[in-house]
Amino acid sequence: MIEINNKQEKCTICHKEYTSLHAEVMPGIHIYVCEKCLEAAKNNFIWICMNCGKVYLRSKKLVLGRLKDEELKRAYMICEDMQIVQGIDICIACDPDGIFNYMESQKMAMEC
């Protein structure tokens, strides 16, 4: 749930604007999102790595056009008009081997 309080922090996404608009994504971990980044979330998917804090912003049209998994694509299509900022466990910047191993396990699972 997004909350507004009196505490002002830098936006977790752009690191430029100060905002009090935030959500607690995990116990004790708050993500702050300024109005500009919230507006950007209308046309873009925004992912934040919960491990290293790196932010990934991708066009919704581009992402939806590239998805091969029909169920995942359908889920994102349902949310197309929503402003979503998602947390991800790891990203390629903080754990390149982990991403590679994950993709290999997915490839093997599809072959079975």
PDB file of N, CA and C in Angstrom:
ATOM      1  N   MET A   1       0.836  -1.170   0.000  1.00  0.00           N
ATOM      2  CA  MET A   1       0.000   0.000   0.000  1.00  0.00           C
ATOM      3  C   MET A   1       0.886   1.240   0.000  1.00  0.00           C
ATOM      4  N   ILE A   2       0.585   2.185  -0.839  1.00  0.00           N
ATOM      5  CA  ILE A   2       1.358   3.416  -0.906  1.00  0.00           C
ATOM      6  C   ILE A   2       0.896   4.342   0.209  1.00  0.00           C
ATOM      7  N   GLU A   3       1.853   4.937   0.895  1.00  0.00           N
ATOM      8  CA  GLU A   3       1.547   5.833   1.998  1.00  0.00           C
ATOM      9  C   GLU A   3       2.204   7.185   1.756  1.00  0.00           C
ATOM     10  N   ILE A   4       1.626   8.192   2.354  1.00  0.00           N
ATOM     11  CA  ILE A   4       2.226   9.517   2.344  1.00  0.00           C
ATOM     12  C   ILE A   4       2.440   9.906   3.795  1.00  0.00           C
ATOM     13  N   ASN A   5       3.645  10.288   4.131  1.00  0.00           N
ATOM     14  CA  ASN A   5       3.923  10.748   5.483  1.00  0.00           C
ATOM     15  C   ASN A   5       4.723  12.041   5.398  1.00  0.00           C
ATOM     16  N   ASN A   6       5.213  12.521   6.501  1.00  0.00           N
ATOM     17  CA  ASN A   6       5.955  13.777   6.514  1.00  0.00           C
ATOM     18  C   ASN A   6       7.435  13.596   6.210  1.00  0.00           C
ATOM     19  N   LYS A   7       7.931  12.350   6.218  1.00  0.00           N
ATOM     20  CA  LYS A   7       9.342  12.090   5.958  1.00  0.00           C
ATOM     21  C   LYS A   7       9.625  12.219   4.463  1.00  0.00           C
ATOM     22  N   GLN A   8      10.592  13.020   4.106  1.00  0.00           N
ATOM     23  CA  GLN A   8      10.983  13.214   2.708  1.00  0.00           C
ATOM     24  C   GLN A   8      12.265  12.444   2.430  1.00  0.00           C
ATOM     25  N   GLU A   9      12.264  11.617   1.408  1.00  0.00           N
ATOM     26  CA  GLU A   9      13.449  10.857   0.991  1.00  0.00           C
ATOM     27  C   GLU A   9      13.617  11.026  -0.512  1.00  0.00           C
ATOM     28  N   LYS A  10      14.846  10.771  -0.992  1.00  0.00           N
ATOM     29  CA  LYS A  10      15.076  10.814  -2.443  1.00  0.00           C
ATOM     30  C   LYS A  10      14.343   9.666  -3.101  1.00  0.00           C
ATOM     31  N   CYS A  11      13.840   9.915  -4.288  1.00  0.00           N
ATOM     32  CA  CYS A  11      13.138   8.896  -5.066  1.00  0.00           C
ATOM     33  C   CYS A  11      14.088   7.723  -5.320  1.00  0.00           C
ATOM     34  N   THR A  12      13.611   6.522  -5.062  1.00  0.00           N
ATOM     35  CA  THR A  12      14.406   5.307  -5.253  1.00  0.00           C
ATOM     36  C   THR A  12      14.718   5.080  -6.727  1.00  0.00           C
ATOM     37  N   ILE A  13      13.886   5.618  -7.614  1.00  0.00           N
ATOM     38  CA  ILE A  13      14.042   5.365  -9.048  1.00  0.00           C
ATOM     39  C   ILE A  13      14.998   6.360  -9.704  1.00  0.00           C
ATOM     40  N   CYS A  14      14.705   7.667  -9.581  1.00  0.00           N
ATOM     41  CA  CYS A  14      15.523   8.666 -10.281  1.00  0.00           C
ATOM     42  C   CYS A  14      16.641   9.249  -9.416  1.00  0.00           C
ATOM     43  N   HIS A  15      16.539   9.123  -8.112  1.00  0.00           N
ATOM     44  CA  HIS A  15      17.528   9.642  -7.157  1.00  0.00           C
ATOM     45  C   HIS A  15      17.698  11.156  -7.260  1.00  0.00           C
ATOM     46  N   LYS A  16      16.689  11.873  -7.787  1.00  0.00           N
ATOM     47  CA  LYS A  16      16.779  13.334  -7.937  1.00  0.00           C
ATOM     48  C   LYS A  16      15.768  14.056  -7.059  1.00  0.00           C
ATOM     49  N   GLU A  17      14.515  13.675  -7.184  1.00  0.00           N
ATOM     50  CA  GLU A  17      13.419  14.349  -6.484  1.00  0.00           C
ATOM     51  C   GLU A  17      13.265  13.810  -5.064  1.00  0.00           C
ATOM     52  N   TYR A  18      12.820  14.667  -4.166  1.00  0.00           N
ATOM     53  CA  TYR A  18      12.455  14.230  -2.814  1.00  0.00           C
ATOM     54  C   TYR A  18      10.948  14.029  -2.761  1.00  0.00           C
ATOM     55  N   THR A  19      10.524  12.981  -2.055  1.00  0.00           N
ATOM     56  CA  THR A  19       9.112  12.659  -1.967  1.00  0.00           C
ATOM     57  C   THR A  19       8.805  11.965  -0.653  1.00  0.00           C
ATOM     58  N   SER A  20       7.556  12.035  -0.263  1.00  0.00           N
ATOM     59  CA  SER A  20       7.118  11.280   0.912  1.00  0.00           C
ATOM     60  C   SER A  20       6.269  10.083   0.489  1.00  0.00           C
ATOM     61  N   LEU A  21       5.961   9.980  -0.792  1.00  0.00           N
ATOM     62  CA  LEU A  21       5.157   8.881  -1.333  1.00  0.00           C
ATOM     63  C   LEU A  21       5.996   7.608  -1.345  1.00  0.00           C
ATOM     64  N   HIS A  22       5.559   6.585  -0.617  1.00  0.00           N
ATOM     65  CA  HIS A  22       6.363   5.368  -0.525  1.00  0.00           C
ATOM     66  C   HIS A  22       5.497   4.143  -0.263  1.00  0.00           C
ATOM     67  N   ALA A  23       6.110   2.994  -0.440  1.00  0.00           N
ATOM     68  CA  ALA A  23       5.487   1.708  -0.110  1.00  0.00           C
ATOM     69  C   ALA A  23       6.536   0.865   0.604  1.00  0.00           C
ATOM     70  N   GLU A  24       6.086   0.068   1.555  1.00  0.00           N
ATOM     71  CA  GLU A  24       6.987  -0.861   2.243  1.00  0.00           C
ATOM     72  C   GLU A  24       6.945  -2.165   1.470  1.00  0.00           C
ATOM     73  N   VAL A  25       8.042  -2.504   0.792  1.00  0.00           N
ATOM     74  CA  VAL A  25       8.067  -3.680  -0.078  1.00  0.00           C
ATOM     75  C   VAL A  25       8.442  -4.957   0.662  1.00  0.00           C
ATOM     76  N   MET A  26       9.183  -4.803   1.730  1.00  0.00           N
ATOM     77  CA  MET A  26       9.556  -5.900   2.618  1.00  0.00           C
ATOM     78  C   MET A  26       9.613  -5.273   4.009  1.00  0.00           C
ATOM     79  N   PRO A  27       9.486  -6.056   5.049  1.00  0.00           N
ATOM     80  CA  PRO A  27       9.526  -5.456   6.386  1.00  0.00           C
ATOM     81  C   PRO A  27      10.749  -4.555   6.578  1.00  0.00           C
ATOM     82  N   GLY A  28      10.483  -3.280   6.813  1.00  0.00           N
ATOM     83  CA  GLY A  28      11.549  -2.310   7.043  1.00  0.00           C
ATOM     84  C   GLY A  28      12.170  -1.713   5.799  1.00  0.00           C
ATOM     85  N   ILE A  29      11.802  -2.183   4.606  1.00  0.00           N
ATOM     86  CA  ILE A  29      12.374  -1.657   3.356  1.00  0.00           C
ATOM     87  C   ILE A  29      11.305  -0.856   2.627  1.00  0.00           C
ATOM     88  N   HIS A  30      11.571   0.456   2.471  1.00  0.00           N
ATOM     89  CA  HIS A  30      10.637   1.357   1.823  1.00  0.00           C
ATOM     90  C   HIS A  30      11.180   1.785   0.461  1.00  0.00           C
ATOM     91  N   ILE A  31      10.297   1.869  -0.498  1.00  0.00           N
ATOM     92  CA  ILE A  31      10.609   2.376  -1.829  1.00  0.00           C
ATOM     93  C   ILE A  31       9.892   3.717  -1.968  1.00  0.00           C
ATOM     94  N   TYR A  32      10.650   4.777  -2.249  1.00  0.00           N
ATOM     95  CA  TYR A  32      10.080   6.104  -2.439  1.00  0.00           C
ATOM     96  C   TYR A  32       9.979   6.383  -3.931  1.00  0.00           C
ATOM     97  N   VAL A  33       8.831   6.923  -4.362  1.00  0.00           N
ATOM     98  CA  VAL A  33       8.595   7.182  -5.785  1.00  0.00           C
ATOM     99  C   VAL A  33       8.038   8.592  -5.940  1.00  0.00           C
ATOM    100  N   CYS A  34       8.747   9.428  -6.696  1.00  0.00           N
ATOM    101  CA  CYS A  34       8.299  10.800  -6.933  1.00  0.00           C
ATOM    102  C   CYS A  34       7.200  10.825  -8.001  1.00  0.00           C
ATOM    103  N   GLU A  35       6.553  11.952  -8.142  1.00  0.00           N
ATOM    104  CA  GLU A  35       5.451  12.101  -9.099  1.00  0.00           C
ATOM    105  C   GLU A  35       5.917  11.874 -10.537  1.00  0.00           C
ATOM    106  N   LYS A  36       7.118  12.337 -10.887  1.00  0.00           N
ATOM    107  CA  LYS A  36       7.621  12.162 -12.263  1.00  0.00           C
ATOM    108  C   LYS A  36       7.811  10.678 -12.589  1.00  0.00           C
ATOM    109  N   CYS A  37       8.377   9.932 -11.653  1.00  0.00           N
ATOM    110  CA  CYS A  37       8.596   8.498 -11.889  1.00  0.00           C
ATOM    111  C   CYS A  37       7.279   7.735 -11.866  1.00  0.00           C
ATOM    112  N   LEU A  38       6.352   8.169 -11.031  1.00  0.00           N
ATOM    113  CA  LEU A  38       5.036   7.551 -11.013  1.00  0.00           C
ATOM    114  C   LEU A  38       4.328   7.793 -12.341  1.00  0.00           C
ATOM    115  N   GLU A  39       4.512   8.957 -12.903  1.00  0.00           N
ATOM    116  CA  GLU A  39       3.944   9.272 -14.222  1.00  0.00           C
ATOM    117  C   GLU A  39       4.609   8.403 -15.297  1.00  0.00           C
ATOM    118  N   ALA A  40       5.927   8.207 -15.188  1.00  0.00           N
ATOM    119  CA  ALA A  40       6.658   7.370 -16.155  1.00  0.00           C
ATOM    120  C   ALA A  40       6.167   5.929 -16.115  1.00  0.00           C
ATOM    121  N   ALA A  41       5.646   5.496 -14.963  1.00  0.00           N
ATOM    122  CA  ALA A  41       5.172   4.119 -14.812  1.00  0.00           C
ATOM    123  C   ALA A  41       3.882   3.863 -15.597  1.00  0.00           C
ATOM    124  N   LYS A  42       3.264   4.904 -16.126  1.00  0.00           N
ATOM    125  CA  LYS A  42       2.058   4.712 -16.952  1.00  0.00           C
ATOM    126  C   LYS A  42       2.414   4.028 -18.270  1.00  0.00           C
ATOM    127  N   ASN A  43       3.563   4.379 -18.842  1.00  0.00           N
ATOM    128  CA  ASN A  43       3.962   3.850 -20.146  1.00  0.00           C
ATOM    129  C   ASN A  43       5.150   2.901 -20.085  1.00  0.00           C
ATOM    130  N   ASN A  44       5.677   2.690 -18.894  1.00  0.00           N
ATOM    131  CA  ASN A  44       6.863   1.856 -18.735  1.00  0.00           C
ATOM    132  C   ASN A  44       6.694   0.894 -17.566  1.00  0.00           C
ATOM    133  N   PHE A  45       7.340  -0.251 -17.675  1.00  0.00           N
ATOM    134  CA  PHE A  45       7.478  -1.139 -16.535  1.00  0.00           C
ATOM    135  C   PHE A  45       8.747  -0.712 -15.822  1.00  0.00           C
ATOM    136  N   ILE A  46       8.688  -0.641 -14.507  1.00  0.00           N
ATOM    137  CA  ILE A  46       9.847  -0.252 -13.711  1.00  0.00           C
ATOM    138  C   ILE A  46      10.126  -1.378 -12.725  1.00  0.00           C
ATOM    139  N   TRP A  47      11.351  -1.904 -12.776  1.00  0.00           N
ATOM    140  CA  TRP A  47      11.782  -2.960 -11.859  1.00  0.00           C
ATOM    141  C   TRP A  47      12.944  -2.423 -11.037  1.00  0.00           C
ATOM    142  N   ILE A  48      12.932  -2.719  -9.732  1.00  0.00           N
ATOM    143  CA  ILE A  48      14.016  -2.329  -8.838  1.00  0.00           C
ATOM    144  C   ILE A  48      14.594  -3.598  -8.229  1.00  0.00           C
ATOM    145  N   CYS A  49      15.898  -3.776  -8.364  1.00  0.00           N
ATOM    146  CA  CYS A  49      16.561  -4.929  -7.781  1.00  0.00           C
ATOM    147  C   CYS A  49      16.640  -4.735  -6.265  1.00  0.00           C
ATOM    148  N   MET A  50      16.074  -5.654  -5.521  1.00  0.00           N
ATOM    149  CA  MET A  50      16.075  -5.572  -4.064  1.00  0.00           C
ATOM    150  C   MET A  50      17.434  -5.925  -3.471  1.00  0.00           C
ATOM    151  N   ASN A  51      18.318  -6.477  -4.290  1.00  0.00           N
ATOM    152  CA  ASN A  51      19.653  -6.834  -3.821  1.00  0.00           C
ATOM    153  C   ASN A  51      20.623  -5.659  -3.941  1.00  0.00           C
ATOM    154  N   CYS A  52      20.680  -5.020  -5.127  1.00  0.00           N
ATOM    155  CA  CYS A  52      21.660  -3.954  -5.339  1.00  0.00           C
ATOM    156  C   CYS A  52      21.037  -2.575  -5.535  1.00  0.00           C
ATOM    157  N   GLY A  53      19.726  -2.497  -5.764  1.00  0.00           N
ATOM    158  CA  GLY A  53      19.055  -1.212  -5.928  1.00  0.00           C
ATOM    159  C   GLY A  53      19.028  -0.667  -7.342  1.00  0.00           C
ATOM    160  N   LYS A  54      19.614  -1.382  -8.300  1.00  0.00           N
ATOM    161  CA  LYS A  54      19.607  -0.914  -9.698  1.00  0.00           C
ATOM    162  C   LYS A  54      18.176  -0.873 -10.219  1.00  0.00           C
ATOM    163  N   VAL A  55      17.868   0.152 -11.009  1.00  0.00           N
ATOM    164  CA  VAL A  55      16.526   0.352 -11.547  1.00  0.00           C
ATOM    165  C   VAL A  55      16.528   0.060 -13.044  1.00  0.00           C
ATOM    166  N   TYR A  56      15.526  -0.691 -13.479  1.00  0.00           N
ATOM    167  CA  TYR A  56      15.344  -1.009 -14.896  1.00  0.00           C
ATOM    168  C   TYR A  56      14.008  -0.453 -15.339  1.00  0.00           C
ATOM    169  N   LEU A  57      14.021   0.367 -16.376  1.00  0.00           N
ATOM    170  CA  LEU A  57      12.820   0.978 -16.924  1.00  0.00           C
ATOM    171  C   LEU A  57      12.699   0.563 -18.386  1.00  0.00           C
ATOM    172  N   ARG A  58      11.599  -0.097 -18.736  1.00  0.00           N
ATOM    173  CA  ARG A  58      11.404  -0.574 -20.109  1.00  0.00           C
ATOM    174  C   ARG A  58      10.006  -0.219 -20.587  1.00  0.00           C
ATOM    175  N   SER A  59       9.881   0.145 -21.830  1.00  0.00           N
ATOM    176  CA  SER A  59       8.597   0.478 -22.436  1.00  0.00           C
ATOM    177  C   SER A  59       7.643  -0.708 -22.341  1.00  0.00           C
ATOM    178  N   LYS A  60       6.400  -0.445 -21.936  1.00  0.00           N
ATOM    179  CA  LYS A  60       5.416  -1.519 -21.826  1.00  0.00           C
ATOM    180  C   LYS A  60       5.190  -2.186 -23.180  1.00  0.00           C
ATOM    181  N   LYS A  61       5.117  -1.388 -24.237  1.00  0.00           N
ATOM    182  CA  LYS A  61       4.895  -1.947 -25.577  1.00  0.00           C
ATOM    183  C   LYS A  61       6.037  -2.863 -25.988  1.00  0.00           C
ATOM    184  N   LEU A  62       7.267  -2.454 -25.707  1.00  0.00           N
ATOM    185  CA  LEU A  62       8.437  -3.257 -26.048  1.00  0.00           C
ATOM    186  C   LEU A  62       8.435  -4.574 -25.277  1.00  0.00           C
ATOM    187  N   VAL A  63       8.186  -4.504 -23.982  1.00  0.00           N
ATOM    188  CA  VAL A  63       8.184  -5.710 -23.145  1.00  0.00           C
ATOM    189  C   VAL A  63       7.087  -6.664 -23.582  1.00  0.00           C
ATOM    190  N   LEU A  64       5.882  -6.158 -23.761  1.00  0.00           N
ATOM    191  CA  LEU A  64       4.760  -7.012 -24.146  1.00  0.00           C
ATOM    192  C   LEU A  64       4.974  -7.640 -25.517  1.00  0.00           C
ATOM    193  N   GLY A  65       5.639  -6.906 -26.424  1.00  0.00           N
ATOM    194  CA  GLY A  65       5.921  -7.433 -27.749  1.00  0.00           C
ATOM    195  C   GLY A  65       6.943  -8.550 -27.754  1.00  0.00           C
ATOM    196  N   ARG A  66       7.821  -8.566 -26.763  1.00  0.00           N
ATOM    197  CA  ARG A  66       8.899  -9.559 -26.709  1.00  0.00           C
ATOM    198  C   ARG A  66       8.571 -10.786 -25.862  1.00  0.00           C
ATOM    199  N   LEU A  67       7.527 -10.717 -25.052  1.00  0.00           N
ATOM    200  CA  LEU A  67       7.208 -11.841 -24.173  1.00  0.00           C
ATOM    201  C   LEU A  67       6.771 -13.064 -24.965  1.00  0.00           C
ATOM    202  N   LYS A  68       7.326 -14.197 -24.624  1.00  0.00           N
ATOM    203  CA  LYS A  68       6.962 -15.463 -25.262  1.00  0.00           C
ATOM    204  C   LYS A  68       5.973 -16.250 -24.402  1.00  0.00           C
ATOM    205  N   ASP A  69       6.085 -16.114 -23.095  1.00  0.00           N
ATOM    206  CA  ASP A  69       5.213 -16.821 -22.153  1.00  0.00           C
ATOM    207  C   ASP A  69       3.825 -16.182 -22.200  1.00  0.00           C
ATOM    208  N   GLU A  70       2.852 -16.903 -22.746  1.00  0.00           N
ATOM    209  CA  GLU A  70       1.512 -16.351 -22.944  1.00  0.00           C
ATOM    210  C   GLU A  70       0.805 -16.002 -21.637  1.00  0.00           C
ATOM    211  N   GLU A  71       1.012 -16.797 -20.598  1.00  0.00           N
ATOM    212  CA  GLU A  71       0.372 -16.515 -19.315  1.00  0.00           C
ATOM    213  C   GLU A  71       0.935 -15.241 -18.685  1.00  0.00           C
ATOM    214  N   LEU A  72       2.251 -15.089 -18.756  1.00  0.00           N
ATOM    215  CA  LEU A  72       2.882 -13.889 -18.235  1.00  0.00           C
ATOM    216  C   LEU A  72       2.450 -12.672 -19.063  1.00  0.00           C
ATOM    217  N   LYS A  73       2.400 -12.835 -20.359  1.00  0.00           N
ATOM    218  CA  LYS A  73       1.976 -11.753 -21.241  1.00  0.00           C
ATOM    219  C   LYS A  73       0.537 -11.341 -20.912  1.00  0.00           C
ATOM    220  N   ARG A  74      -0.338 -12.304 -20.708  1.00  0.00           N
ATOM    221  CA  ARG A  74      -1.735 -12.022 -20.371  1.00  0.00           C
ATOM    222  C   ARG A  74      -1.817 -11.278 -19.033  1.00  0.00           C
ATOM    223  N   ALA A  75      -1.011 -11.690 -18.064  1.00  0.00           N
ATOM    224  CA  ALA A  75      -1.005 -11.035 -16.759  1.00  0.00           C
ATOM    225  C   ALA A  75      -0.564  -9.580 -16.891  1.00  0.00           C
ATOM    226  N   TYR A  76       0.477  -9.320 -17.677  1.00  0.00           N
ATOM    227  CA  TYR A  76       0.940  -7.949 -17.872  1.00  0.00           C
ATOM    228  C   TYR A  76      -0.073  -7.140 -18.678  1.00  0.00           C
ATOM    229  N   MET A  77      -0.763  -7.768 -19.632  1.00  0.00           N
ATOM    230  CA  MET A  77      -1.765  -7.065 -20.426  1.00  0.00           C
ATOM    231  C   MET A  77      -2.916  -6.590 -19.534  1.00  0.00           C
ATOM    232  N   ILE A  78      -3.283  -7.391 -18.564  1.00  0.00           N
ATOM    233  CA  ILE A  78      -4.346  -7.009 -17.631  1.00  0.00           C
ATOM    234  C   ILE A  78      -3.927  -5.762 -16.850  1.00  0.00           C
ATOM    235  N   CYS A  79      -2.651  -5.651 -16.567  1.00  0.00           N
ATOM    236  CA  CYS A  79      -2.124  -4.537 -15.777  1.00  0.00           C
ATOM    237  C   CYS A  79      -1.599  -3.395 -16.640  1.00  0.00           C
ATOM    238  N   GLU A  80      -1.849  -3.443 -17.925  1.00  0.00           N
ATOM    239  CA  GLU A  80      -1.254  -2.482 -18.856  1.00  0.00           C
ATOM    240  C   GLU A  80      -1.539  -1.027 -18.482  1.00  0.00           C
ATOM    241  N   ASP A  81      -2.722  -0.731 -17.964  1.00  0.00           N
ATOM    242  CA  ASP A  81      -3.074   0.649 -17.639  1.00  0.00           C
ATOM    243  C   ASP A  81      -2.679   1.049 -16.219  1.00  0.00           C
ATOM    244  N   MET A  82      -2.093   0.138 -15.476  1.00  0.00           N
ATOM    245  CA  MET A  82      -1.702   0.426 -14.098  1.00  0.00           C
ATOM    246  C   MET A  82      -0.283   0.980 -14.034  1.00  0.00           C
ATOM    247  N   GLN A  83      -0.017   1.704 -12.959  1.00  0.00           N
ATOM    248  CA  GLN A  83       1.331   2.212 -12.707  1.00  0.00           C
ATOM    249  C   GLN A  83       1.984   1.231 -11.736  1.00  0.00           C
ATOM    250  N   ILE A  84       2.892   0.420 -12.269  1.00  0.00           N
ATOM    251  CA  ILE A  84       3.495  -0.637 -11.461  1.00  0.00           C
ATOM    252  C   ILE A  84       5.001  -0.436 -11.348  1.00  0.00           C
ATOM    253  N   VAL A  85       5.475  -0.490 -10.114  1.00  0.00           N
ATOM    254  CA  VAL A  85       6.905  -0.514  -9.820  1.00  0.00           C
ATOM    255  C   VAL A  85       7.122  -1.830  -9.092  1.00  0.00           C
ATOM    256  N   GLN A  86       7.894  -2.732  -9.709  1.00  0.00           N
ATOM    257  CA  GLN A  86       8.090  -4.070  -9.155  1.00  0.00           C
ATOM    258  C   GLN A  86       9.478  -4.233  -8.565  1.00  0.00           C
ATOM    259  N   GLY A  87       9.543  -4.986  -7.482  1.00  0.00           N
ATOM    260  CA  GLY A  87      10.819  -5.366  -6.910  1.00  0.00           C
ATOM    261  C   GLY A  87      11.204  -6.732  -7.445  1.00  0.00           C
ATOM    262  N   ILE A  88      12.477  -6.896  -7.776  1.00  0.00           N
ATOM    263  CA  ILE A  88      12.982  -8.198  -8.214  1.00  0.00           C
ATOM    264  C   ILE A  88      14.077  -8.624  -7.242  1.00  0.00           C
ATOM    265  N   ASP A  89      14.232  -9.928  -7.060  1.00  0.00           N
ATOM    266  CA  ASP A  89      15.192 -10.443  -6.071  1.00  0.00           C
ATOM    267  C   ASP A  89      16.635 -10.147  -6.445  1.00  0.00           C
ATOM    268  N   ILE A  90      17.017 -10.452  -7.686  1.00  0.00           N
ATOM    269  CA  ILE A  90      18.375 -10.196  -8.159  1.00  0.00           C
ATOM    270  C   ILE A  90      18.301  -9.685  -9.586  1.00  0.00           C
ATOM    271  N   CYS A  91      19.367  -9.074 -10.026  1.00  0.00           N
ATOM    272  CA  CYS A  91      19.424  -8.618 -11.420  1.00  0.00           C
ATOM    273  C   CYS A  91      20.755  -9.054 -12.028  1.00  0.00           C
ATOM    274  N   ILE A  92      20.891  -8.842 -13.281  1.00  0.00           N
ATOM    275  CA  ILE A  92      22.098  -9.268 -13.986  1.00  0.00           C
ATOM    276  C   ILE A  92      23.323  -8.463 -13.537  1.00  0.00           C
ATOM    277  N   ALA A  93      23.117  -7.237 -13.064  1.00  0.00           N
ATOM    278  CA  ALA A  93      24.243  -6.415 -12.622  1.00  0.00           C
ATOM    279  C   ALA A  93      24.859  -6.934 -11.321  1.00  0.00           C
ATOM    280  N   CYS A  94      24.030  -7.410 -10.396  1.00  0.00           N
ATOM    281  CA  CYS A  94      24.576  -7.841  -9.105  1.00  0.00           C
ATOM    282  C   CYS A  94      24.859  -9.338  -9.044  1.00  0.00           C
ATOM    283  N   ASP A  95      24.272 -10.115  -9.952  1.00  0.00           N
ATOM    284  CA  ASP A  95      24.515 -11.557  -9.935  1.00  0.00           C
ATOM    285  C   ASP A  95      24.403 -12.144 -11.347  1.00  0.00           C
ATOM    286  N   PRO A  96      25.374 -11.835 -12.233  1.00  0.00           N
ATOM    287  CA  PRO A  96      25.296 -12.336 -13.608  1.00  0.00           C
ATOM    288  C   PRO A  96      25.274 -13.864 -13.679  1.00  0.00           C
ATOM    289  N   ASP A  97      26.033 -14.534 -12.816  1.00  0.00           N
ATOM    290  CA  ASP A  97      26.038 -15.999 -12.828  1.00  0.00           C
ATOM    291  C   ASP A  97      24.686 -16.548 -12.378  1.00  0.00           C
ATOM    292  N   GLY A  98      24.076 -15.893 -11.414  1.00  0.00           N
ATOM    293  CA  GLY A  98      22.763 -16.330 -10.930  1.00  0.00           C
ATOM    294  C   GLY A  98      21.708 -16.249 -12.023  1.00  0.00           C
ATOM    295  N   ILE A  99      21.744 -15.185 -12.809  1.00  0.00           N
ATOM    296  CA  ILE A  99      20.795 -15.041 -13.921  1.00  0.00           C
ATOM    297  C   ILE A  99      21.069 -16.117 -14.962  1.00  0.00           C
ATOM    298  N   PHE A 100      22.336 -16.347 -15.278  1.00  0.00           N
ATOM    299  CA  PHE A 100      22.702 -17.368 -16.258  1.00  0.00           C
ATOM    300  C   PHE A 100      22.218 -18.740 -15.788  1.00  0.00           C
ATOM    301  N   ASN A 101      22.479 -19.066 -14.511  1.00  0.00           N
ATOM    302  CA  ASN A 101      22.040 -20.354 -13.973  1.00  0.00           C
ATOM    303  C   ASN A 101      20.526 -20.480 -13.987  1.00  0.00           C
ATOM    304  N   TYR A 102      19.830 -19.398 -13.674  1.00  0.00           N
ATOM    305  CA  TYR A 102      18.371 -19.403 -13.691  1.00  0.00           C
ATOM    306  C   TYR A 102      17.863 -19.678 -15.111  1.00  0.00           C
ATOM    307  N   MET A 103      18.430 -19.006 -16.098  1.00  0.00           N
ATOM    308  CA  MET A 103      17.988 -19.184 -17.485  1.00  0.00           C
ATOM    309  C   MET A 103      18.288 -20.602 -17.962  1.00  0.00           C
ATOM    310  N   GLU A 104      19.422 -21.167 -17.561  1.00  0.00           N
ATOM    311  CA  GLU A 104      19.755 -22.542 -17.932  1.00  0.00           C
ATOM    312  C   GLU A 104      18.755 -23.518 -17.320  1.00  0.00           C
ATOM    313  N   SER A 105      18.382 -23.302 -16.068  1.00  0.00           N
ATOM    314  CA  SER A 105      17.402 -24.195 -15.418  1.00  0.00           C
ATOM    315  C   SER A 105      16.039 -24.078 -16.096  1.00  0.00           C
ATOM    316  N   GLN A 106      15.679 -22.890 -16.552  1.00  0.00           N
ATOM    317  CA  GLN A 106      14.411 -22.711 -17.261  1.00  0.00           C
ATOM    318  C   GLN A 106      14.427 -23.421 -18.607  1.00  0.00           C
ATOM    319  N   LYS A 107      15.565 -23.337 -19.280  1.00  0.00           N
ATOM    320  CA  LYS A 107      15.708 -23.986 -20.585  1.00  0.00           C
ATOM    321  C   LYS A 107      15.602 -25.500 -20.415  1.00  0.00           C
ATOM    322  N   MET A 108      16.250 -26.055 -19.384  1.00  0.00           N
ATOM    323  CA  MET A 108      16.198 -27.496 -19.140  1.00  0.00           C
ATOM    324  C   MET A 108      14.779 -27.927 -18.769  1.00  0.00           C
ATOM    325  N   ALA A 109      14.068 -27.105 -17.999  1.00  0.00           N
ATOM    326  CA  ALA A 109      12.698 -27.447 -17.599  1.00  0.00           C
ATOM    327  C   ALA A 109      11.775 -27.485 -18.811  1.00  0.00           C
ATOM    328  N   MET A 110      12.011 -26.611 -19.775  1.00  0.00           N
ATOM    329  CA  MET A 110      11.175 -26.578 -20.982  1.00  0.00           C
ATOM    330  C   MET A 110      11.448 -27.756 -21.886  1.00  0.00           C
ATOM    331  N   GLU A 111      12.662 -28.291 -21.826  1.00  0.00           N
ATOM    332  CA  GLU A 111      13.039 -29.436 -22.664  1.00  0.00           C
ATOM    333  C   GLU A 111      12.441 -30.744 -22.150  1.00  0.00           C
ATOM    334  N   CYS A 112      12.105 -30.775 -20.860  1.00  0.00           N
ATOM    335  CA  CYS A 112      11.576 -32.013 -20.270  1.00  0.00           C
ATOM    336  C   CYS A 112      10.136 -32.261 -20.655  1.00  0.00           C
TER     337      CYS A 112
END
